């Protein structure tokens, strides 16, 4: 597949997701959560060009978790690209706490408090995150291992609401491999989080060892993952009404 064909196909997948789930409306103010990794930098690049044709106002929001020695380099990259794109940029430094039993839950709650604060400041309509097809599949597998309800297999939905903040995920049908290829084709700078390679975390082990095996058996596993999620979400909505 040529560079141009790949770009057209990937954009088609993202635009179909945006249309199918009605993620945006014209003149929306949109917060883009950008960590500095390949996923969010690709998202920011796409949203910058999409916003031009759909009259969206973008605000970049970055969280520095202060967990890694080189986290400042992530912050510098995100700020530089935001300035180059002429976009408002907000940063939040996660407060250190020695009394946290579950750091990931603590960090997640603080991140969303920050995003909600930015949304209030800019009167934003939604938050955009870079969750993609691999995140979706990993989440379903993780919940299959540790939960016993069918609703857990819904995984990551294209639209959710967190205490009034609408969160949308236009890359949910795009694979990690495609994101890397997009960054390469577009010369998009990004930084890798070395902690993603650690086998300490269950999600990392699922990502490194289980997902590749499933994809090697059938590349349709991503599509099936999305279909199952949509069907279960519809069932959940129907029976909860």
Protein backbone atom coordinates (compact mmCIF):
# COMPACT_ATOMS: atom_id res chain seq x y z
CA UNK A 1 0.00 0.00 0.00
CA UNK A 2 1.39 3.39 -0.96
CA UNK A 3 1.85 6.27 1.47
CA UNK A 4 -1.11 8.12 -0.05
CA UNK A 5 -3.38 5.08 -0.02
CA UNK A 6 -2.55 4.42 3.63
CA UNK A 7 -3.27 8.03 4.60
CA UNK A 8 -6.61 8.02 2.78
CA UNK A 9 -7.63 4.72 4.37
CA UNK A 10 -6.70 5.74 7.90
CA UNK A 11 -8.43 9.10 7.61
CA UNK A 12 -11.48 7.30 6.23
CA UNK A 13 -11.60 5.02 9.28
CA UNK A 14 -11.32 7.98 11.68
CA UNK A 15 -13.90 10.07 9.82
CA UNK A 16 -16.32 7.15 9.75
CA UNK A 17 -15.93 6.79 13.51
CA UNK A 18 -16.56 10.51 14.01
CA UNK A 19 -19.67 10.34 11.83
CA UNK A 20 -21.03 7.04 13.20
CA UNK A 21 -20.90 8.18 16.82
CA UNK A 22 -21.46 11.90 16.14
CA UNK A 23 -18.38 12.82 18.14
CA UNK A 24 -18.21 16.51 17.23
CA UNK A 25 -20.40 19.38 16.16
CA UNK A 26 -19.22 22.44 14.29
CA UNK A 27 -17.93 25.30 16.44
CA UNK A 28 -17.21 22.97 19.37
CA UNK A 29 -14.38 23.85 21.73
CA UNK A 30 -12.34 20.69 22.20
CA UNK A 31 -9.66 19.75 24.72
CA UNK A 32 -7.05 17.36 23.31
CA UNK A 33 -5.30 15.26 25.95
CA UNK A 34 -1.69 14.93 24.80
CA UNK A 35 0.92 12.91 26.69
CA UNK A 36 3.70 13.14 24.10
CA UNK A 37 3.45 9.49 23.04
CA UNK A 38 2.82 8.33 19.48
CA UNK A 39 -0.94 7.91 20.02
CA UNK A 40 -1.67 11.38 21.34
CA UNK A 41 0.78 13.15 19.03
CA UNK A 42 -0.87 11.48 16.03
CA UNK A 43 -4.26 12.48 17.46
CA UNK A 44 -3.15 16.10 17.85
CA UNK A 45 -1.84 16.18 14.27
CA UNK A 46 -5.11 14.78 12.92
CA UNK A 47 -7.28 17.06 15.07
CA UNK A 48 -5.33 20.15 13.99
CA UNK A 49 -6.25 19.55 10.36
CA UNK A 50 -9.75 18.25 11.11
CA UNK A 51 -10.48 21.35 13.21
CA UNK A 52 -9.69 23.62 10.27
CA UNK A 53 -12.37 22.09 8.06
CA UNK A 54 -14.95 21.59 10.82
CA UNK A 55 -14.58 24.90 12.68
CA UNK A 56 -13.40 23.41 15.95
CA UNK A 57 -11.43 25.29 18.58
CA UNK A 58 -8.66 23.15 20.10
CA UNK A 59 -6.99 23.39 23.51
CA UNK A 60 -4.03 21.14 24.34
CA UNK A 61 -3.88 19.68 27.86
CA UNK A 62 -0.82 17.85 29.16
CA UNK A 63 -0.30 16.08 32.49
CA UNK A 64 3.23 15.70 33.84
CA UNK A 65 3.02 12.81 36.30
CA UNK A 66 6.52 13.50 37.63
CA UNK A 67 6.93 9.73 37.77
CA UNK A 68 9.80 9.36 35.30
CA UNK A 69 13.14 11.14 35.20
CA UNK A 70 12.60 12.39 31.64
CA UNK A 71 8.96 13.42 31.97
CA UNK A 72 10.05 17.03 31.44
CA UNK A 73 11.12 16.09 27.90
CA UNK A 74 7.57 14.89 27.16
CA UNK A 75 6.25 18.19 28.45
CA UNK A 76 8.69 20.21 26.35
CA UNK A 77 7.73 18.34 23.17
CA UNK A 78 3.99 18.79 23.71
CA UNK A 79 4.38 22.48 24.48
CA UNK A 80 6.61 23.08 21.45
CA UNK A 81 4.19 21.39 19.07
CA UNK A 82 1.22 23.20 20.63
CA UNK A 83 2.97 26.55 20.12
CA UNK A 84 3.89 25.60 16.56
CA UNK A 85 0.22 24.81 15.91
CA UNK A 86 -0.75 28.10 17.58
CA UNK A 87 -2.97 26.32 20.10
CA UNK A 88 -3.68 27.19 23.75
CA UNK A 89 -1.65 24.94 26.04
CA UNK A 90 -2.34 23.92 29.63
CA UNK A 91 -0.14 21.74 31.84
CA UNK A 92 -0.78 20.06 35.18
CA UNK A 93 1.84 18.67 37.55
CA UNK A 94 0.59 15.67 39.47
CA UNK A 95 1.13 16.26 43.21
CA UNK A 96 3.32 13.65 44.87
CA UNK A 97 1.57 11.54 47.47
CA UNK A 98 3.10 8.87 49.70
CA UNK A 99 -0.31 7.74 50.92
CA UNK A 100 -1.59 6.35 47.64
CA UNK A 101 -2.37 2.61 47.54
CA UNK A 102 -3.33 2.60 43.86
CA UNK A 103 -1.21 5.13 41.98
CA UNK A 104 -2.95 4.56 38.64
CA UNK A 105 -6.37 5.25 40.11
CA UNK A 106 -5.03 8.29 41.98
CA UNK A 107 -3.41 9.66 38.80
CA UNK A 108 -6.50 9.01 36.71
CA UNK A 109 -8.76 10.88 39.14
CA UNK A 110 -6.40 13.84 39.31
CA UNK A 111 -6.05 13.93 35.50
CA UNK A 112 -9.79 14.18 35.03
CA UNK A 113 -10.08 16.84 37.70
CA UNK A 114 -7.56 18.82 35.67
CA UNK A 115 -9.37 18.21 32.37
CA UNK A 116 -12.66 19.33 33.91
CA UNK A 117 -10.96 22.49 35.18
CA UNK A 118 -9.62 23.23 31.69
CA UNK A 119 -13.09 22.57 30.25
CA UNK A 120 -14.59 25.12 32.62
CA UNK A 121 -11.90 27.70 31.84
CA UNK A 122 -12.34 27.44 28.07
CA UNK A 123 -16.04 26.48 28.13
CA UNK A 124 -15.08 23.37 26.18
CA UNK A 125 -17.68 20.94 24.88
CA UNK A 126 -15.63 17.76 25.14
CA UNK A 127 -12.29 16.08 25.82
CA UNK A 128 -10.58 14.03 23.10
CA UNK A 129 -8.32 11.14 24.09
CA UNK A 130 -6.11 8.90 21.95
CA UNK A 131 -7.49 5.50 22.95
CA UNK A 132 -7.22 3.16 19.97
CA UNK A 133 -8.14 -0.35 18.82
CA UNK A 134 -5.31 -2.04 20.74
CA UNK A 135 -6.36 -0.25 23.95
CA UNK A 136 -9.89 -1.51 23.37
CA UNK A 137 -8.81 -5.12 22.84
CA UNK A 138 -6.41 -5.03 25.81
CA UNK A 139 -9.18 -3.67 28.04
CA UNK A 140 -11.61 -6.40 27.01
CA UNK A 141 -9.01 -9.11 27.65
CA UNK A 142 -8.11 -7.59 31.03
CA UNK A 143 -11.74 -7.52 32.08
CA UNK A 144 -12.31 -11.04 30.78
CA UNK A 145 -9.54 -12.14 33.14
CA UNK A 146 -10.64 -10.18 36.20
CA UNK A 147 -14.37 -9.47 35.85
CA UNK A 148 -17.36 -11.80 35.55
CA UNK A 149 -19.95 -9.56 33.89
CA UNK A 150 -20.73 -9.23 30.20
CA UNK A 151 -20.83 -5.43 30.53
CA UNK A 152 -17.10 -5.51 31.23
CA UNK A 153 -16.53 -6.67 27.66
CA UNK A 154 -17.88 -3.36 26.39
CA UNK A 155 -14.38 -2.09 27.01
CA UNK A 156 -13.71 1.48 25.92
CA UNK A 157 -16.65 3.22 24.31
CA UNK A 158 -16.25 5.93 21.63
CA UNK A 159 -18.20 8.33 23.87
CA UNK A 160 -18.40 8.40 27.64
CA UNK A 161 -19.29 11.06 30.20
CA UNK A 162 -17.28 11.66 33.36
CA UNK A 163 -19.24 13.84 35.79
CA UNK A 164 -20.58 16.01 33.00
CA UNK A 165 -17.44 16.02 30.86
CA UNK A 166 -18.01 14.39 27.47
CA UNK A 167 -15.04 12.26 26.40
CA UNK A 168 -14.66 11.16 22.78
CA UNK A 169 -12.21 8.76 21.12
CA UNK A 170 -11.93 9.16 17.33
CA UNK A 171 -9.00 6.70 17.07
CA UNK A 172 -10.88 3.80 18.67
CA UNK A 173 -10.91 1.81 15.39
CA UNK A 174 -7.29 2.56 14.48
CA UNK A 175 -4.56 0.11 15.48
CA UNK A 176 -1.31 0.94 17.23
CA UNK A 177 0.62 -0.27 14.20
CA UNK A 178 -1.30 2.15 11.98
CA UNK A 179 -0.62 5.00 14.40
CA UNK A 180 3.12 4.34 14.26
CA UNK A 181 2.96 4.27 10.46
CA UNK A 182 1.00 7.54 10.43
CA UNK A 183 3.65 9.18 12.63
CA UNK A 184 6.38 7.91 10.34
CA UNK A 185 4.66 9.10 7.17
CA UNK A 186 3.88 12.53 8.62
CA UNK A 187 7.22 12.97 10.41
CA UNK A 188 5.40 13.39 13.71
CA UNK A 189 7.72 13.59 16.70
CA UNK A 190 6.79 11.58 19.79
CA UNK A 191 8.36 10.08 22.88
CA UNK A 192 8.14 6.52 24.16
CA UNK A 193 7.28 5.76 27.78
CA UNK A 194 9.82 3.12 28.80
CA UNK A 195 7.50 1.87 31.56
CA UNK A 196 5.28 0.41 28.83
CA UNK A 197 7.90 -2.31 28.35
CA UNK A 198 7.84 -3.46 31.96
CA UNK A 199 6.29 -6.87 32.61
CA UNK A 200 5.29 -5.75 36.10
CA UNK A 201 1.95 -4.46 34.84
CA UNK A 202 -0.77 -6.84 33.66
CA UNK A 203 -1.80 -4.51 30.83
CA UNK A 204 1.76 -4.52 29.50
CA UNK A 205 1.89 -8.32 29.49
CA UNK A 206 -1.42 -8.45 27.64
CA UNK A 207 -0.11 -5.91 25.12
CA UNK A 208 3.23 -7.63 24.58
CA UNK A 209 2.31 -11.31 24.60
CA UNK A 210 -1.43 -11.95 24.19
CA UNK A 211 -2.60 -9.35 21.65
CA UNK A 212 0.12 -10.17 19.07
CA UNK A 213 -0.85 -13.86 19.24
CA UNK A 214 -4.50 -13.04 18.65
CA UNK A 215 -3.68 -10.73 15.74
CA UNK A 216 -1.43 -13.36 14.17
CA UNK A 217 -4.36 -15.80 14.27
CA UNK A 218 -6.81 -13.30 12.78
CA UNK A 219 -6.33 -9.63 11.92
CA UNK A 220 -10.14 -9.33 12.16
CA UNK A 221 -9.89 -9.53 15.94
CA UNK A 222 -9.91 -5.71 16.14
CA UNK A 223 -13.13 -5.49 14.13
CA UNK A 224 -14.73 -8.26 16.18
CA UNK A 225 -13.69 -6.48 19.36
CA UNK A 226 -15.44 -3.30 18.23
CA UNK A 227 -18.59 -5.14 17.10
CA UNK A 228 -18.88 -7.01 20.40
CA UNK A 229 -18.43 -3.77 22.30
CA UNK A 230 -21.13 -1.99 20.29
CA UNK A 231 -23.58 -4.88 20.65
CA UNK A 232 -23.09 -5.17 24.40
CA UNK A 233 -23.34 -1.41 24.78
CA UNK A 234 -26.67 -1.41 22.94
CA UNK A 235 -27.92 -4.28 25.12
CA UNK A 236 -26.82 -2.50 28.28
CA UNK A 237 -28.56 0.70 27.18
CA UNK A 238 -31.76 -1.15 26.27
CA UNK A 239 -32.08 -3.06 29.51
CA UNK A 240 -31.14 -0.10 31.69
CA UNK A 241 -33.86 2.17 30.23
